[in-house]
């Protein structure tokens, strides 16, 4: 999960950590246009 807004990032991070799926989720505070990763994704979802 990638989120540019700091407050939203903090809220999402807290929500993920308090969920039973926390070990499956990584979150990054970043602008997606400059987000760097070696991974390619099979599904990209967005509520832009």
ModelCIF file with pLDDT and N, C-alpha, C, O atoms, coordinates in Angstrom:
data_MODEL
#
_entry.id   MODEL 
#
_entity.id                         1 
_entity.type                       polymer 
_entity.pdbx_number_of_molecules   1 
#
_entity_poly.entity_id                      1 
_entity_poly.type                           'polypeptide(L)' 
_entity_poly.nstd_linkage                   no 
_entity_poly.nstd_monomer                   no 
_entity_poly.pdbx_seq_one_letter_code       
;(UNK)(UNK)(UNK)(UNK)(UNK)(UNK)(UNK)(UNK)(UNK)(UNK)(UNK)(UNK)(UNK)(UNK)(UNK)(UNK)
(UNK)(UNK)(UNK)(UNK)(UNK)(UNK)(UNK)(UNK)(UNK)(UNK)(UNK)(UNK)(UNK)(UNK)(UNK)(UNK)
(UNK)(UNK)(UNK)(UNK)(UNK)(UNK)(UNK)(UNK)(UNK)(UNK)(UNK)(UNK)(UNK)(UNK)(UNK)(UNK)
;
_entity_poly.pdbx_seq_one_letter_code_can   XXXXXXXXXXXXXXXXXXXXXXXXXXXXXXXXXXXXXXXXXXXXXXXX 
_entity_poly.pdbx_strand_id                 A 
#
loop_
_entity_poly_seq.entity_id 
_entity_poly_seq.num 
_entity_poly_seq.mon_id 
_entity_poly_seq.hetero 
1 1  UNK n 
1 2  UNK n 
1 3  UNK n 
1 4  UNK n 
1 5  UNK n 
1 6  UNK n 
1 7  UNK n 
1 8  UNK n 
1 9  UNK n 
1 10 UNK n 
1 11 UNK n 
1 12 UNK n 
1 13 UNK n 
1 14 UNK n 
1 15 UNK n 
1 16 UNK n 
1 17 UNK n 
1 18 UNK n 
1 19 UNK n 
1 20 UNK n 
1 21 UNK n 
1 22 UNK n 
1 23 UNK n 
1 24 UNK n 
1 25 UNK n 
1 26 UNK n 
1 27 UNK n 
1 28 UNK n 
1 29 UNK n 
1 30 UNK n 
1 31 UNK n 
1 32 UNK n 
1 33 UNK n 
1 34 UNK n 
1 35 UNK n 
1 36 UNK n 
1 37 UNK n 
1 38 UNK n 
1 39 UNK n 
1 40 UNK n 
1 41 UNK n 
1 42 UNK n 
1 43 UNK n 
1 44 UNK n 
1 45 UNK n 
1 46 UNK n 
1 47 UNK n 
1 48 UNK n 
#
_struct_asym.id          A 
_struct_asym.entity_id   1 
#
loop_
_ma_qa_metric.id 
_ma_qa_metric.mode 
_ma_qa_metric.name 
_ma_qa_metric.software_group_id 
_ma_qa_metric.type 
1 global pLDDT . pLDDT 
2 local  pLDDT . pLDDT 
#
_ma_qa_metric_global.metric_id      1 
_ma_qa_metric_global.metric_value   96.21 
_ma_qa_metric_global.model_id       1 
_ma_qa_metric_global.ordinal_id     1 
#
loop_
_ma_qa_metric_local.label_asym_id 
_ma_qa_metric_local.label_comp_id 
_ma_qa_metric_local.label_seq_id 
_ma_qa_metric_local.metric_id 
_ma_qa_metric_local.metric_value 
_ma_qa_metric_local.model_id 
_ma_qa_metric_local.ordinal_id 
A UNK 1  2 98.00 1 1  
A UNK 2  2 98.00 1 2  
A UNK 3  2 96.00 1 3  
A UNK 4  2 95.00 1 4  
A UNK 5  2 95.00 1 5  
A UNK 6  2 96.00 1 6  
A UNK 7  2 95.00 1 7  
A UNK 8  2 95.00 1 8  
A UNK 9  2 97.00 1 9  
A UNK 10 2 97.00 1 10 
A UNK 11 2 96.00 1 11 
A UNK 12 2 97.00 1 12 
A UNK 13 2 98.00 1 13 
A UNK 14 2 97.00 1 14 
A UNK 15 2 97.00 1 15 
A UNK 16 2 98.00 1 16 
A UNK 17 2 98.00 1 17 
A UNK 18 2 97.00 1 18 
A UNK 19 2 97.00 1 19 
A UNK 20 2 96.00 1 20 
A UNK 21 2 97.00 1 21 
A UNK 22 2 97.00 1 22 
A UNK 23 2 97.00 1 23 
A UNK 24 2 96.00 1 24 
A UNK 25 2 98.00 1 25 
A UNK 26 2 98.00 1 26 
A UNK 27 2 98.00 1 27 
A UNK 28 2 98.00 1 28 
A UNK 29 2 98.00 1 29 
A UNK 30 2 96.00 1 30 
A UNK 31 2 95.00 1 31 
A UNK 32 2 95.00 1 32 
A UNK 33 2 94.00 1 33 
A UNK 34 2 94.00 1 34 
A UNK 35 2 95.00 1 35 
A UNK 36 2 93.00 1 36 
A UNK 37 2 95.00 1 37 
A UNK 38 2 94.00 1 38 
A UNK 39 2 94.00 1 39 
A UNK 40 2 96.00 1 40 
A UNK 41 2 97.00 1 41 
A UNK 42 2 96.00 1 42 
A UNK 43 2 97.00 1 43 
A UNK 44 2 98.00 1 44 
A UNK 45 2 98.00 1 45 
A UNK 46 2 97.00 1 46 
A UNK 47 2 95.00 1 47 
A UNK 48 2 89.00 1 48 
#
loop_
_atom_site.group_PDB 
_atom_site.id 
_atom_site.type_symbol 
_atom_site.label_atom_id 
_atom_site.label_alt_id 
_atom_site.label_comp_id 
_atom_site.label_asym_id 
_atom_site.label_entity_id 
_atom_site.label_seq_id 
_atom_site.pdbx_PDB_ins_code 
_atom_site.Cartn_x 
_atom_site.Cartn_y 
_atom_site.Cartn_z 
_atom_site.occupancy 
_atom_site.B_iso_or_equiv 
_atom_site.pdbx_formal_charge 
_atom_site.auth_seq_id 
_atom_site.auth_comp_id 
_atom_site.auth_asym_id 
_atom_site.auth_atom_id 
_atom_site.pdbx_PDB_model_num 
ATOM 1   N N  . UNK A 1 1  ? 0.848  -1.191  0.000   1.00 98.00 ? 1  UNK A N  1 
ATOM 2   C CA . UNK A 1 1  ? 0.000  0.000   0.000   1.00 98.00 ? 1  UNK A CA 1 
ATOM 3   C C  . UNK A 1 1  ? 0.881  1.238   0.000   1.00 98.00 ? 1  UNK A C  1 
ATOM 4   O O  . UNK A 1 1  ? 1.873  1.304   0.726   1.00 98.00 ? 1  UNK A O  1 
ATOM 5   N N  . UNK A 1 2  ? 0.515  2.218   -0.818  1.00 98.00 ? 2  UNK A N  1 
ATOM 6   C CA . UNK A 1 2  ? 1.282  3.456   -0.928  1.00 98.00 ? 2  UNK A CA 1 
ATOM 7   C C  . UNK A 1 2  ? 0.335  4.638   -0.695  1.00 98.00 ? 2  UNK A C  1 
ATOM 8   O O  . UNK A 1 2  ? -0.752 4.698   -1.271  1.00 98.00 ? 2  UNK A O  1 
ATOM 9   N N  . UNK A 1 3  ? 0.764  5.579   0.158   1.00 96.00 ? 3  UNK A N  1 
ATOM 10  C CA . UNK A 1 3  ? -0.062 6.745   0.475   1.00 96.00 ? 3  UNK A CA 1 
ATOM 11  C C  . UNK A 1 3  ? 0.825  7.978   0.579   1.00 96.00 ? 3  UNK A C  1 
ATOM 12  O O  . UNK A 1 3  ? 1.843  7.953   1.272   1.00 96.00 ? 3  UNK A O  1 
ATOM 13  N N  . UNK A 1 4  ? 0.446  9.064   -0.107  1.00 95.00 ? 4  UNK A N  1 
ATOM 14  C CA . UNK A 1 4  ? 1.247  10.285  -0.126  1.00 95.00 ? 4  UNK A CA 1 
ATOM 15  C C  . UNK A 1 4  ? 0.969  11.181  1.078   1.00 95.00 ? 4  UNK A C  1 
ATOM 16  O O  . UNK A 1 4  ? 1.869  11.879  1.544   1.00 95.00 ? 4  UNK A O  1 
ATOM 17  N N  . UNK A 1 5  ? -0.273 11.172  1.592   1.00 95.00 ? 5  UNK A N  1 
ATOM 18  C CA . UNK A 1 5  ? -0.646 12.052  2.705   1.00 95.00 ? 5  UNK A CA 1 
ATOM 19  C C  . UNK A 1 5  ? -0.169 11.454  4.029   1.00 95.00 ? 5  UNK A C  1 
ATOM 20  O O  . UNK A 1 5  ? -0.441 10.290  4.320   1.00 95.00 ? 5  UNK A O  1 
ATOM 21  N N  . UNK A 1 6  ? 0.539  12.248  4.824   1.00 96.00 ? 6  UNK A N  1 
ATOM 22  C CA . UNK A 1 6  ? 1.160  11.721  6.044   1.00 96.00 ? 6  UNK A CA 1 
ATOM 23  C C  . UNK A 1 6  ? 0.132  11.248  7.061   1.00 96.00 ? 6  UNK A C  1 
ATOM 24  O O  . UNK A 1 6  ? 0.300  10.179  7.647   1.00 96.00 ? 6  UNK A O  1 
ATOM 25  N N  . UNK A 1 7  ? -0.930 12.021  7.284   1.00 95.00 ? 7  UNK A N  1 
ATOM 26  C CA . UNK A 1 7  ? -1.933 11.622  8.271   1.00 95.00 ? 7  UNK A CA 1 
ATOM 27  C C  . UNK A 1 7  ? -2.679 10.369  7.830   1.00 95.00 ? 7  UNK A C  1 
ATOM 28  O O  . UNK A 1 7  ? -2.950 9.481   8.639   1.00 95.00 ? 7  UNK A O  1 
ATOM 29  N N  . UNK A 1 8  ? -3.008 10.304  6.553   1.00 95.00 ? 8  UNK A N  1 
ATOM 30  C CA . UNK A 1 8  ? -3.671 9.107   6.039   1.00 95.00 ? 8  UNK A CA 1 
ATOM 31  C C  . UNK A 1 8  ? -2.742 7.900   6.142   1.00 95.00 ? 8  UNK A C  1 
ATOM 32  O O  . UNK A 1 8  ? -3.176 6.807   6.505   1.00 95.00 ? 8  UNK A O  1 
ATOM 33  N N  . UNK A 1 9  ? -1.461 8.099   5.822   1.00 97.00 ? 9  UNK A N  1 
ATOM 34  C CA . UNK A 1 9  ? -0.475 7.017   5.953   1.00 97.00 ? 9  UNK A CA 1 
ATOM 35  C C  . UNK A 1 9  ? -0.422 6.494   7.384   1.00 97.00 ? 9  UNK A C  1 
ATOM 36  O O  . UNK A 1 9  ? -0.429 5.283   7.604   1.00 97.00 ? 9  UNK A O  1 
ATOM 37  N N  . UNK A 1 10 ? -0.370 7.404   8.357   1.00 97.00 ? 10 UNK A N  1 
ATOM 38  C CA . UNK A 1 10 ? -0.326 6.994   9.763   1.00 97.00 ? 10 UNK A CA 1 
ATOM 39  C C  . UNK A 1 10 ? -1.579 6.208   10.154  1.00 97.00 ? 10 UNK A C  1 
ATOM 40  O O  . UNK A 1 10 ? -1.495 5.214   10.875  1.00 97.00 ? 10 UNK A O  1 
ATOM 41  N N  . UNK A 1 11 ? -2.751 6.666   9.669   1.00 96.00 ? 11 UNK A N  1 
ATOM 42  C CA . UNK A 1 11 ? -3.999 5.978   9.986   1.00 96.00 ? 11 UNK A CA 1 
ATOM 43  C C  . UNK A 1 11 ? -4.046 4.591   9.366   1.00 96.00 ? 11 UNK A C  1 
ATOM 44  O O  . UNK A 1 11 ? -4.425 3.623   10.026  1.00 96.00 ? 11 UNK A O  1 
ATOM 45  N N  . UNK A 1 12 ? -3.659 4.495   8.094   1.00 97.00 ? 12 UNK A N  1 
ATOM 46  C CA . UNK A 1 12 ? -3.653 3.193   7.426   1.00 97.00 ? 12 UNK A CA 1 
ATOM 47  C C  . UNK A 1 12 ? -2.675 2.229   8.091   1.00 97.00 ? 12 UNK A C  1 
ATOM 48  O O  . UNK A 1 12 ? -2.976 1.051   8.281   1.00 97.00 ? 12 UNK A O  1 
ATOM 49  N N  . UNK A 1 13 ? -1.506 2.749   8.439   1.00 98.00 ? 13 UNK A N  1 
ATOM 50  C CA . UNK A 1 13 ? -0.509 1.904   9.100   1.00 98.00 ? 13 UNK A CA 1 
ATOM 51  C C  . UNK A 1 13 ? -1.052 1.343   10.409  1.00 98.00 ? 13 UNK A C  1 
ATOM 52  O O  . UNK A 1 13 ? -0.859 0.166   10.715  1.00 98.00 ? 13 UNK A O  1 
ATOM 53  N N  . UNK A 1 14 ? -1.730 2.190   11.179  1.00 97.00 ? 14 UNK A N  1 
ATOM 54  C CA . UNK A 1 14 ? -2.333 1.741   12.434  1.00 97.00 ? 14 UNK A CA 1 
ATOM 55  C C  . UNK A 1 14 ? -3.419 0.695   12.170  1.00 97.00 ? 14 UNK A C  1 
ATOM 56  O O  . UNK A 1 14 ? -3.494 -0.319  12.864  1.00 97.00 ? 14 UNK A O  1 
ATOM 57  N N  . UNK A 1 15 ? -4.249 0.948   11.172  1.00 97.00 ? 15 UNK A N  1 
ATOM 58  C CA . UNK A 1 15 ? -5.309 -0.008  10.835  1.00 97.00 ? 15 UNK A CA 1 
ATOM 59  C C  . UNK A 1 15 ? -4.731 -1.357  10.423  1.00 97.00 ? 15 UNK A C  1 
ATOM 60  O O  . UNK A 1 15 ? -5.247 -2.404  10.816  1.00 97.00 ? 15 UNK A O  1 
ATOM 61  N N  . UNK A 1 16 ? -3.670 -1.335  9.637   1.00 98.00 ? 16 UNK A N  1 
ATOM 62  C CA . UNK A 1 16 ? -3.041 -2.586  9.205   1.00 98.00 ? 16 UNK A CA 1 
ATOM 63  C C  . UNK A 1 16 ? -2.454 -3.337  10.401  1.00 98.00 ? 16 UNK A C  1 
ATOM 64  O O  . UNK A 1 16 ? -2.629 -4.549  10.530  1.00 98.00 ? 16 UNK A O  1 
ATOM 65  N N  . UNK A 1 17 ? -1.757 -2.607  11.272  1.00 98.00 ? 17 UNK A N  1 
ATOM 66  C CA . UNK A 1 17 ? -1.111 -3.245  12.417  1.00 98.00 ? 17 UNK A CA 1 
ATOM 67  C C  . UNK A 1 17 ? -2.114 -3.868  13.380  1.00 98.00 ? 17 UNK A C  1 
ATOM 68  O O  . UNK A 1 17 ? -1.800 -4.847  14.058  1.00 98.00 ? 17 UNK A O  1 
ATOM 69  N N  . UNK A 1 18 ? -3.316 -3.307  13.444  1.00 97.00 ? 18 UNK A N  1 
ATOM 70  C CA . UNK A 1 18 ? -4.339 -3.826  14.343  1.00 97.00 ? 18 UNK A CA 1 
ATOM 71  C C  . UNK A 1 18 ? -5.203 -4.904  13.695  1.00 97.00 ? 18 UNK A C  1 
ATOM 72  O O  . UNK A 1 18 ? -6.133 -5.412  14.321  1.00 97.00 ? 18 UNK A O  1 
ATOM 73  N N  . UNK A 1 19 ? -4.902 -5.253  12.455  1.00 97.00 ? 19 UNK A N  1 
ATOM 74  C CA . UNK A 1 19 ? -5.668 -6.280  11.761  1.00 97.00 ? 19 UNK A CA 1 
ATOM 75  C C  . UNK A 1 19 ? -4.956 -7.624  11.828  1.00 97.00 ? 19 UNK A C  1 
ATOM 76  O O  . UNK A 1 19 ? -3.760 -7.694  12.109  1.00 97.00 ? 19 UNK A O  1 
ATOM 77  N N  . UNK A 1 20 ? -5.699 -8.676  11.570  1.00 96.00 ? 20 UNK A N  1 
ATOM 78  C CA . UNK A 1 20 ? -5.123 -10.023 11.576  1.00 96.00 ? 20 UNK A CA 1 
ATOM 79  C C  . UNK A 1 20 ? -4.298 -10.312 10.322  1.00 96.00 ? 20 UNK A C  1 
ATOM 80  O O  . UNK A 1 20 ? -3.660 -11.360 10.225  1.00 96.00 ? 20 UNK A O  1 
ATOM 81  N N  . UNK A 1 21 ? -4.311 -9.375  9.356   1.00 97.00 ? 21 UNK A N  1 
ATOM 82  C CA . UNK A 1 21 ? -3.574 -9.580  8.099   1.00 97.00 ? 21 UNK A CA 1 
ATOM 83  C C  . UNK A 1 21 ? -2.304 -8.741  8.039   1.00 97.00 ? 21 UNK A C  1 
ATOM 84  O O  . UNK A 1 21 ? -1.735 -8.542  6.965   1.00 97.00 ? 21 UNK A O  1 
ATOM 85  N N  . UNK A 1 22 ? -1.860 -8.250  9.192   1.00 97.00 ? 22 UNK A N  1 
ATOM 86  C CA . UNK A 1 22 ? -0.728 -7.313  9.224   1.00 97.00 ? 22 UNK A CA 1 
ATOM 87  C C  . UNK A 1 22 ? 0.542  -7.901  8.623   1.00 97.00 ? 22 UNK A C  1 
ATOM 88  O O  . UNK A 1 22 ? 1.353  -7.165  8.059   1.00 97.00 ? 22 UNK A O  1 
ATOM 89  N N  . UNK A 1 23 ? 0.728  -9.203  8.732   1.00 97.00 ? 23 UNK A N  1 
ATOM 90  C CA . UNK A 1 23 ? 1.956  -9.812  8.211   1.00 97.00 ? 23 UNK A CA 1 
ATOM 91  C C  . UNK A 1 23 ? 1.959  -9.904  6.690   1.00 97.00 ? 23 UNK A C  1 
ATOM 92  O O  . UNK A 1 23 ? 2.997  -10.181 6.089   1.00 97.00 ? 23 UNK A O  1 
ATOM 93  N N  . UNK A 1 24 ? 0.819  -9.677  6.069   1.00 96.00 ? 24 UNK A N  1 
ATOM 94  C CA . UNK A 1 24 ? 0.726  -9.750  4.607   1.00 96.00 ? 24 UNK A CA 1 
ATOM 95  C C  . UNK A 1 24 ? 0.800  -8.380  3.939   1.00 96.00 ? 24 UNK A C  1 
ATOM 96  O O  . UNK A 1 24 ? 0.793  -8.283  2.712   1.00 96.00 ? 24 UNK A O  1 
ATOM 97  N N  . UNK A 1 25 ? 0.873  -7.306  4.758   1.00 98.00 ? 25 UNK A N  1 
ATOM 98  C CA . UNK A 1 25 ? 0.746  -5.953  4.207   1.00 98.00 ? 25 UNK A CA 1 
ATOM 99  C C  . UNK A 1 25 ? 1.978  -5.109  4.508   1.00 98.00 ? 25 UNK A C  1 
ATOM 100 O O  . UNK A 1 25 ? 2.428  -5.026  5.651   1.00 98.00 ? 25 UNK A O  1 
ATOM 101 N N  . UNK A 1 26 ? 2.511  -4.488  3.470   1.00 98.00 ? 26 UNK A N  1 
ATOM 102 C CA . UNK A 1 26 ? 3.579  -3.493  3.618   1.00 98.00 ? 26 UNK A CA 1 
ATOM 103 C C  . UNK A 1 26 ? 3.035  -2.145  3.173   1.00 98.00 ? 26 UNK A C  1 
ATOM 104 O O  . UNK A 1 26 ? 2.337  -2.060  2.162   1.00 98.00 ? 26 UNK A O  1 
ATOM 105 N N  . UNK A 1 27 ? 3.348  -1.093  3.917   1.00 98.00 ? 27 UNK A N  1 
ATOM 106 C CA . UNK A 1 27 ? 2.854  0.236   3.564   1.00 98.00 ? 27 UNK A CA 1 
ATOM 107 C C  . UNK A 1 27 ? 4.009  1.215   3.468   1.00 98.00 ? 27 UNK A C  1 
ATOM 108 O O  . UNK A 1 27 ? 4.966  1.152   4.239   1.00 98.00 ? 27 UNK A O  1 
ATOM 109 N N  . UNK A 1 28 ? 3.901  2.134   2.492   1.00 98.00 ? 28 UNK A N  1 
ATOM 110 C CA . UNK A 1 28 ? 4.956  3.109   2.245   1.00 98.00 ? 28 UNK A CA 1 
ATOM 111 C C  . UNK A 1 28 ? 4.357  4.510   2.140   1.00 98.00 ? 28 UNK A C  1 
ATOM 112 O O  . UNK A 1 28 ? 3.326  4.718   1.501   1.00 98.00 ? 28 UNK A O  1 
ATOM 113 N N  . UNK A 1 29 ? 5.037  5.470   2.790   1.00 98.00 ? 29 UNK A N  1 
ATOM 114 C CA . UNK A 1 29 ? 4.647  6.883   2.689   1.00 98.00 ? 29 UNK A CA 1 
ATOM 115 C C  . UNK A 1 29 ? 5.411  7.464   1.513   1.00 98.00 ? 29 UNK A C  1 
ATOM 116 O O  . UNK A 1 29 ? 6.589  7.797   1.637   1.00 98.00 ? 29 UNK A O  1 
ATOM 117 N N  . UNK A 1 30 ? 4.742  7.585   0.367   1.00 96.00 ? 30 UNK A N  1 
ATOM 118 C CA . UNK A 1 30 ? 5.454  7.970   -0.843  1.00 96.00 ? 30 UNK A CA 1 
ATOM 119 C C  . UNK A 1 30 ? 4.489  8.505   -1.895  1.00 96.00 ? 30 UNK A C  1 
ATOM 120 O O  . UNK A 1 30 ? 3.299  8.190   -1.890  1.00 96.00 ? 30 UNK A O  1 
ATOM 121 N N  . UNK A 1 31 ? 5.024  9.314   -2.787  1.00 95.00 ? 31 UNK A N  1 
ATOM 122 C CA . UNK A 1 31 ? 4.342  9.705   -4.020  1.00 95.00 ? 31 UNK A CA 1 
ATOM 123 C C  . UNK A 1 31 ? 4.493  8.530   -4.980  1.00 95.00 ? 31 UNK A C  1 
ATOM 124 O O  . UNK A 1 31 ? 5.614  8.103   -5.257  1.00 95.00 ? 31 UNK A O  1 
ATOM 125 N N  . UNK A 1 32 ? 3.385  8.001   -5.492  1.00 95.00 ? 32 UNK A N  1 
ATOM 126 C CA . UNK A 1 32 ? 3.463  6.805   -6.325  1.00 95.00 ? 32 UNK A CA 1 
ATOM 127 C C  . UNK A 1 32 ? 4.249  7.044   -7.606  1.00 95.00 ? 32 UNK A C  1 
ATOM 128 O O  . UNK A 1 32 ? 4.812  6.103   -8.165  1.00 95.00 ? 32 UNK A O  1 
ATOM 129 N N  . UNK A 1 33 ? 4.299  8.294   -8.084  1.00 94.00 ? 33 UNK A N  1 
ATOM 130 C CA . UNK A 1 33 ? 5.012  8.572   -9.330  1.00 94.00 ? 33 UNK A CA 1 
ATOM 131 C C  . UNK A 1 33 ? 6.522  8.462   -9.160  1.00 94.00 ? 33 UNK A C  1 
ATOM 132 O O  . UNK A 1 33 ? 7.251  8.322   -10.142 1.00 94.00 ? 33 UNK A O  1 
ATOM 133 N N  . UNK A 1 34 ? 6.996  8.526   -7.908  1.00 94.00 ? 34 UNK A N  1 
ATOM 134 C CA . UNK A 1 34 ? 8.436  8.376   -7.652  1.00 94.00 ? 34 UNK A CA 1 
ATOM 135 C C  . UNK A 1 34 ? 8.719  7.130   -6.810  1.00 94.00 ? 34 UNK A C  1 
ATOM 136 O O  . UNK A 1 34 ? 9.849  6.929   -6.365  1.00 94.00 ? 34 UNK A O  1 
ATOM 137 N N  . UNK A 1 35 ? 7.717  6.307   -6.591  1.00 95.00 ? 35 UNK A N  1 
ATOM 138 C CA . UNK A 1 35 ? 7.863  5.106   -5.778  1.00 95.00 ? 35 UNK A CA 1 
ATOM 139 C C  . UNK A 1 35 ? 8.743  4.093   -6.507  1.00 95.00 ? 35 UNK A C  1 
ATOM 140 O O  . UNK A 1 35 ? 8.490  3.750   -7.661  1.00 95.00 ? 35 UNK A O  1 
ATOM 141 N N  . UNK A 1 36 ? 9.781  3.621   -5.814  1.00 93.00 ? 36 UNK A N  1 
ATOM 142 C CA . UNK A 1 36 ? 10.721 2.679   -6.414  1.00 93.00 ? 36 UNK A CA 1 
ATOM 143 C C  . UNK A 1 36 ? 10.579 1.309   -5.779  1.00 93.00 ? 36 UNK A C  1 
ATOM 144 O O  . UNK A 1 36 ? 10.575 1.184   -4.554  1.00 93.00 ? 36 UNK A O  1 
ATOM 145 N N  . UNK A 1 37 ? 10.463 0.288   -6.602  1.00 95.00 ? 37 UNK A N  1 
ATOM 146 C CA . UNK A 1 37 ? 10.411 -1.088  -6.131  1.00 95.00 ? 37 UNK A CA 1 
ATOM 147 C C  . UNK A 1 37 ? 10.879 -2.005  -7.247  1.00 95.00 ? 37 UNK A C  1 
ATOM 148 O O  . UNK A 1 37 ? 10.697 -1.706  -8.427  1.00 95.00 ? 37 UNK A O  1 
ATOM 149 N N  . UNK A 1 38 ? 11.476 -3.112  -6.868  1.00 94.00 ? 38 UNK A N  1 
ATOM 150 C CA . UNK A 1 38 ? 11.909 -4.098  -7.860  1.00 94.00 ? 38 UNK A CA 1 
ATOM 151 C C  . UNK A 1 38 ? 10.771 -5.030  -8.259  1.00 94.00 ? 38 UNK A C  1 
ATOM 152 O O  . UNK A 1 38 ? 10.898 -5.799  -9.212  1.00 94.00 ? 38 UNK A O  1 
ATOM 153 N N  . UNK A 1 39 ? 9.655  -4.960  -7.528  1.00 94.00 ? 39 UNK A N  1 
ATOM 154 C CA . UNK A 1 39 ? 8.527  -5.842  -7.797  1.00 94.00 ? 39 UNK A CA 1 
ATOM 155 C C  . UNK A 1 39 ? 7.669  -5.338  -8.944  1.00 94.00 ? 39 UNK A C  1 
ATOM 156 O O  . UNK A 1 39 ? 7.579  -4.138  -9.200  1.00 94.00 ? 39 UNK A O  1 
ATOM 157 N N  . UNK A 1 40 ? 7.051  -6.273  -9.617  1.00 96.00 ? 40 UNK A N  1 
ATOM 158 C CA . UNK A 1 40 ? 5.959  -5.994  -10.536 1.00 96.00 ? 40 UNK A CA 1 
ATOM 159 C C  . UNK A 1 40 ? 4.700  -6.606  -9.926  1.00 96.00 ? 40 UNK A C  1 
ATOM 160 O O  . UNK A 1 40 ? 4.756  -7.667  -9.305  1.00 96.00 ? 40 UNK A O  1 
ATOM 161 N N  . UNK A 1 41 ? 3.575  -5.937  -10.105 1.00 97.00 ? 41 UNK A N  1 
ATOM 162 C CA . UNK A 1 41 ? 2.346  -6.350  -9.440  1.00 97.00 ? 41 UNK A CA 1 
ATOM 163 C C  . UNK A 1 41 ? 1.340  -6.923  -10.435 1.00 97.00 ? 41 UNK A C  1 
ATOM 164 O O  . UNK A 1 41 ? 1.210  -6.452  -11.564 1.00 97.00 ? 41 UNK A O  1 
ATOM 165 N N  . UNK A 1 42 ? 0.638  -7.952  -9.976  1.00 96.00 ? 42 UNK A N  1 
ATOM 166 C CA . UNK A 1 42 ? -0.374 -8.595  -10.815 1.00 96.00 ? 42 UNK A CA 1 
ATOM 167 C C  . UNK A 1 42 ? -1.677 -7.813  -10.825 1.00 96.00 ? 42 UNK A C  1 
ATOM 168 O O  . UNK A 1 42 ? -2.391 -7.785  -11.827 1.00 96.00 ? 42 UNK A O  1 
ATOM 169 N N  . UNK A 1 43 ? -1.980 -7.173  -9.688  1.00 97.00 ? 43 UNK A N  1 
ATOM 170 C CA . UNK A 1 43 ? -3.196 -6.375  -9.554  1.00 97.00 ? 43 UNK A CA 1 
ATOM 171 C C  . UNK A 1 43 ? -2.833 -5.035  -8.925  1.00 97.00 ? 43 UNK A C  1 
ATOM 172 O O  . UNK A 1 43 ? -2.146 -4.987  -7.905  1.00 97.00 ? 43 UNK A O  1 
ATOM 173 N N  . UNK A 1 44 ? -3.293 -3.956  -9.533  1.00 98.00 ? 44 UNK A N  1 
ATOM 174 C CA . UNK A 1 44 ? -3.164 -2.625  -8.942  1.00 98.00 ? 44 UNK A CA 1 
ATOM 175 C C  . UNK A 1 44 ? -4.568 -2.085  -8.731  1.00 98.00 ? 44 UNK A C  1 
ATOM 176 O O  . UNK A 1 44 ? -5.362 -2.008  -9.668  1.00 98.00 ? 44 UNK A O  1 
ATOM 177 N N  . UNK A 1 45 ? -4.869 -1.711  -7.492  1.00 98.00 ? 45 UNK A N  1 
ATOM 178 C CA . UNK A 1 45 ? -6.182 -1.153  -7.166  1.00 98.00 ? 45 UNK A CA 1 
ATOM 179 C C  . UNK A 1 45 ? -6.012 0.295   -6.740  1.00 98.00 ? 45 UNK A C  1 
ATOM 180 O O  . UNK A 1 45 ? -4.989 0.672   -6.169  1.00 98.00 ? 45 UNK A O  1 
ATOM 181 N N  . UNK A 1 46 ? -7.029 1.104   -7.025  1.00 97.00 ? 46 UNK A N  1 
ATOM 182 C CA . UNK A 1 46 ? -6.945 2.504   -6.619  1.00 97.00 ? 46 UNK A CA 1 
ATOM 183 C C  . UNK A 1 46 ? -8.331 3.135   -6.596  1.00 97.00 ? 46 UNK A C  1 
ATOM 184 O O  . UNK A 1 46 ? -9.148 2.935   -7.494  1.00 97.00 ? 46 UNK A O  1 
ATOM 185 N N  . UNK A 1 47 ? -8.563 3.900   -5.541  1.00 95.00 ? 47 UNK A N  1 
ATOM 186 C CA . UNK A 1 47 ? -9.707 4.803   -5.456  1.00 95.00 ? 47 UNK A CA 1 
ATOM 187 C C  . UNK A 1 47 ? -9.108 6.202   -5.546  1.00 95.00 ? 47 UNK A C  1 
ATOM 188 O O  . UNK A 1 47 ? -8.913 6.862   -4.525  1.00 95.00 ? 47 UNK A O  1 
ATOM 189 N N  . UNK A 1 48 ? -8.816 6.658   -6.764  1.00 89.00 ? 48 UNK A N  1 
ATOM 190 C CA . UNK A 1 48 ? -7.995 7.867   -6.926  1.00 89.00 ? 48 UNK A CA 1 
ATOM 191 C C  . UNK A 1 48 ? -8.790 9.145   -6.702  1.00 89.00 ? 48 UNK A C  1 
ATOM 192 O O  . UNK A 1 48 ? -8.238 10.241  -6.803  1.00 89.00 ? 48 UNK A O  1 
#
